[in-house]
Protein backbone atom coordinates (compact mmCIF):
# COMPACT_ATOMS: atom_id res chain seq x y z
CA UNK A 1 10.27 -17.75 -17.24
CA UNK A 2 10.69 -16.51 -13.67
CA UNK A 3 11.68 -13.04 -14.90
CA UNK A 4 8.56 -12.92 -17.11
CA UNK A 5 6.37 -13.76 -14.13
CA UNK A 6 8.02 -11.06 -12.03
CA UNK A 7 7.61 -8.54 -14.85
CA UNK A 8 3.91 -9.36 -15.23
CA UNK A 9 3.42 -9.09 -11.47
CA UNK A 10 5.22 -5.74 -11.33
CA UNK A 11 3.15 -4.36 -14.21
CA UNK A 12 -0.14 -5.72 -12.89
CA UNK A 13 0.38 -4.71 -9.27
CA UNK A 14 1.48 -1.22 -10.32
CA UNK A 15 -1.60 -0.77 -12.51
CA UNK A 16 -3.99 -2.02 -9.82
CA UNK A 17 -2.41 0.13 -7.13
CA UNK A 18 -2.43 3.23 -9.34
CA UNK A 19 -6.13 2.75 -10.01
CA UNK A 20 -6.78 3.60 -6.35
CA UNK A 21 -3.56 5.44 -5.47
CA UNK A 22 -5.15 8.86 -4.96
CA UNK A 23 -8.41 7.56 -3.46
CA UNK A 24 -7.25 7.82 0.18
CA UNK A 25 -6.21 11.43 -0.46
CA UNK A 26 -9.48 12.22 -2.27
CA UNK A 27 -11.59 10.72 0.55
CA UNK A 28 -9.62 12.66 3.18
CA UNK A 29 -10.27 15.95 1.40
CA UNK A 30 -13.94 15.21 0.84
CA UNK A 31 -14.43 14.25 4.48
CA UNK A 32 -12.55 17.25 5.87
CA UNK A 33 -13.82 19.72 3.20
CA UNK A 34 -10.48 21.49 3.41
CA UNK A 35 -7.17 21.11 1.58
CA UNK A 36 -5.00 21.92 4.61
CA UNK A 37 -1.52 20.41 4.27
CA UNK A 38 -1.98 19.40 0.61
CA UNK A 39 0.24 21.48 -1.66
CA UNK A 40 -1.54 22.83 -4.74
CA UNK A 41 1.81 23.53 -6.43
CA UNK A 42 2.94 19.98 -5.75
CA UNK A 43 -0.13 18.49 -7.42
CA UNK A 44 0.15 20.86 -10.36
CA UNK A 45 3.81 20.00 -10.98
CA UNK A 46 3.10 16.30 -10.51
CA UNK A 47 0.37 16.51 -13.14
CA UNK A 48 2.75 18.23 -15.57
CA UNK A 49 5.32 15.48 -14.97
CA UNK A 50 2.74 12.75 -15.60
CA UNK A 51 1.57 14.40 -18.84
CA UNK A 52 5.12 14.75 -20.17
CA UNK A 53 6.09 11.21 -19.17
CA UNK A 54 3.10 9.42 -20.70
CA UNK A 55 3.34 11.53 -23.87
CA UNK A 56 7.02 10.60 -24.23
CA UNK A 57 6.25 6.89 -23.78
CA UNK A 58 3.46 7.00 -26.34
CA UNK A 59 5.49 9.07 -28.81
CA UNK A 60 8.22 6.43 -28.93
CA UNK A 61 5.78 3.50 -28.97
CA UNK A 62 6.94 1.98 -25.69
CA UNK A 63 5.01 -1.11 -24.49
CA UNK A 64 1.64 0.09 -23.07
CA UNK A 65 1.96 -1.99 -19.87
CA UNK A 66 4.93 0.23 -18.87
CA UNK A 67 2.83 3.39 -18.74
CA UNK A 68 -0.81 2.30 -18.69
CA UNK A 69 -1.33 3.65 -15.17
CA UNK A 70 -0.48 7.26 -16.08
CA UNK A 71 -3.79 8.20 -17.72
CA UNK A 72 -5.46 6.94 -14.52
CA UNK A 73 -3.11 9.00 -12.34
CA UNK A 74 -3.69 12.07 -14.51
CA UNK A 75 -7.45 11.73 -14.05
CA UNK A 76 -7.08 11.34 -10.27
CA UNK A 77 -4.74 14.33 -9.97
CA UNK A 78 -7.11 16.43 -12.08
CA UNK A 79 -9.98 15.52 -9.75
CA UNK A 80 -7.87 16.37 -6.69
CA UNK A 81 -7.03 19.77 -8.16
CA UNK A 82 -10.73 20.40 -8.81
CA UNK A 83 -11.47 19.57 -5.18
CA UNK A 84 -8.82 22.04 -4.03
CA UNK A 85 -10.21 24.73 -6.35
CA UNK A 86 -13.68 24.04 -4.98
CA UNK A 87 -12.77 24.08 -1.30
CA UNK A 88 -10.60 27.19 -1.79
CA UNK A 89 -13.47 28.99 -3.52
CA UNK A 90 -11.76 29.53 -6.88
CA UNK A 91 -13.40 26.93 -9.10
CA UNK A 92 -13.52 29.32 -12.10
CA UNK A 93 -9.72 29.35 -12.25
CA UNK A 94 -9.81 25.66 -13.13
CA UNK A 95 -10.96 26.56 -16.65
CA UNK A 96 -7.78 28.55 -17.27
CA UNK A 97 -5.58 25.70 -16.05
CA UNK A 98 -7.53 23.17 -18.14
CA UNK A 99 -7.03 25.22 -21.31
CA UNK A 100 -3.30 25.61 -20.55
CA UNK A 101 -2.87 21.86 -20.04
CA UNK A 102 -4.71 20.91 -23.23
CA UNK A 103 -2.66 23.41 -25.23
CA UNK A 104 0.60 22.26 -23.66
CA UNK A 105 -0.21 18.59 -24.28
CA UNK A 106 -0.75 19.25 -27.98
CA UNK A 107 2.46 21.27 -28.19
CA UNK A 108 4.53 18.37 -26.83
CA UNK A 109 3.95 16.21 -29.90
CA UNK A 110 4.53 18.91 -32.52
CA UNK A 111 8.19 17.98 -32.95
CA UNK A 112 10.67 15.38 -31.71
CA UNK A 113 12.99 17.94 -30.08
CA UNK A 114 10.11 19.35 -28.03
CA UNK A 115 9.13 16.02 -26.45
CA UNK A 116 12.81 15.09 -25.93
CA UNK A 117 13.52 18.38 -24.19
CA UNK A 118 10.37 18.09 -22.09
CA UNK A 119 11.36 14.57 -21.03
CA UNK A 120 14.85 15.77 -20.06
CA UNK A 121 13.15 18.27 -17.72
CA UNK A 122 10.53 15.78 -16.50
CA UNK A 123 12.61 14.49 -13.58
CA UNK A 124 13.27 18.04 -12.37
CA UNK A 125 9.56 18.92 -12.67
CA UNK A 126 8.45 15.81 -10.78
CA UNK A 127 11.18 16.35 -8.15
CA UNK A 128 10.00 19.93 -7.70
CA UNK A 129 6.49 18.61 -7.02
CA UNK A 130 7.79 16.47 -4.14
CA UNK A 131 9.82 19.33 -2.70
CA UNK A 132 6.75 21.58 -2.90
CA UNK A 133 4.84 19.08 -0.76
CA UNK A 134 7.76 18.76 1.64
CA UNK A 135 7.98 22.55 1.93
CA UNK A 136 4.26 22.70 2.71
CA UNK A 137 4.69 20.09 5.45
CA UNK A 138 7.74 21.82 6.93
CA UNK A 139 6.00 25.18 6.89
CA UNK A 140 2.83 23.94 8.62
CA UNK A 141 4.64 21.40 10.83
CA UNK A 142 1.50 19.35 10.40
CA UNK A 143 0.47 16.59 7.98
CA UNK A 144 -3.02 18.10 7.79
CA UNK A 145 -5.10 16.18 5.25
CA UNK A 146 -2.12 14.51 3.53
CA UNK A 147 -2.65 10.76 3.08
CA UNK A 148 0.29 8.59 4.15
CA UNK A 149 -1.32 5.62 2.38
CA UNK A 150 -1.31 7.42 -0.97
CA UNK A 151 2.38 8.27 -0.59
CA UNK A 152 3.20 4.69 0.46
CA UNK A 153 1.52 3.34 -2.68
CA UNK A 154 3.31 5.94 -4.81
CA UNK A 155 6.63 4.78 -3.36
CA UNK A 156 5.88 1.16 -4.23
CA UNK A 157 4.75 1.89 -7.79
CA UNK A 158 7.88 3.91 -8.56
CA UNK A 159 10.05 1.15 -7.10
CA UNK A 160 8.27 -1.46 -9.25
CA UNK A 161 8.75 0.73 -12.31
CA UNK A 162 12.52 0.74 -11.80
CA UNK A 163 12.44 -2.99 -12.47
CA UNK A 164 10.00 -2.89 -15.41
CA UNK A 165 11.89 -0.07 -17.12
CA UNK A 166 15.21 -1.87 -16.66
CA UNK A 167 14.04 -5.13 -18.25
CA UNK A 168 11.88 -3.69 -21.05
CA UNK A 169 13.22 -0.43 -22.52
CA UNK A 170 16.44 0.24 -20.58
CA UNK A 171 15.86 3.96 -21.16
CA UNK A 172 18.26 5.76 -18.78
CA UNK A 173 16.11 8.91 -18.58
CA UNK A 174 13.18 6.80 -17.46
CA UNK A 175 15.26 4.77 -14.99
CA UNK A 176 16.83 7.84 -13.41
CA UNK A 177 13.39 9.41 -13.06
CA UNK A 178 11.99 6.39 -11.20
CA UNK A 179 15.01 6.09 -8.89
CA UNK A 180 14.74 9.76 -7.94
CA UNK A 181 10.94 9.57 -7.54
CA UNK A 182 11.20 6.50 -5.31
CA UNK A 183 13.62 8.29 -2.98
CA UNK A 184 11.57 11.50 -2.86
CA UNK A 185 8.25 9.69 -2.36
CA UNK A 186 9.80 7.83 0.54
CA UNK A 187 11.03 11.14 2.00
CA UNK A 188 7.54 12.66 1.81
CA UNK A 189 6.02 9.50 3.30
CA UNK A 190 8.40 9.53 6.27
CA UNK A 191 7.77 13.25 6.80
CA UNK A 192 4.00 12.73 6.78
CA UNK A 193 4.29 9.85 9.26
CA UNK A 194 6.53 11.97 11.49
CA UNK A 195 4.06 14.87 11.66
CA UNK A 196 1.13 12.50 12.11
CA UNK A 197 2.94 10.95 15.07
CA UNK A 198 3.69 14.40 16.49
CA UNK A 199 0.03 15.35 16.06
CA UNK A 200 -1.09 12.22 17.88
CA UNK A 201 1.24 13.01 20.80
CA UNK A 202 -0.10 16.57 21.02
CA UNK A 203 -3.68 15.31 21.19
CA UNK A 204 -2.77 12.87 23.96
CA UNK A 205 -1.04 15.63 25.93
CA UNK A 206 -4.17 17.79 25.63
């Protein structure tokens, strides 16, 4: 009974948090009207990882509560990418990326071996997205418009998903992915906080 309550809480809290996970980042970009510090490549790879992951879950008829937040995250990432295209003055390019994503999504479900292979690469793709953001932070030595709150919520949701995956499906590919994502999200969060602190000190010195 207690485990059921914990599972429901983990699923519910993850869903609620993911509904607003990217909002702090979206509001920061809209207020600043610049995408400084936010890695386009990171968002693009993250979106690919989300698409592969949710397609895999749906293909094998996993319980919807274990992946219900991903369509929401996909929509938020897509909006963030559109904002970056807009502020960088290359909105027309978004049409090419949209067509590529729709085509790729359809390809994933054409055969079992395709979705299985894509899922086996999903952790590497999602990891690459985190490293792309870290590289952007290290290069600029500034957190820019990166939202620490969004990364903190991402860390929590991945941590919660370790538990839900373990007690529902037990799928090792899924579990490994969430363990790795939790660690990398935490790394990005700590890096953002570090550069924000450095930025605050610089302003005080000025």
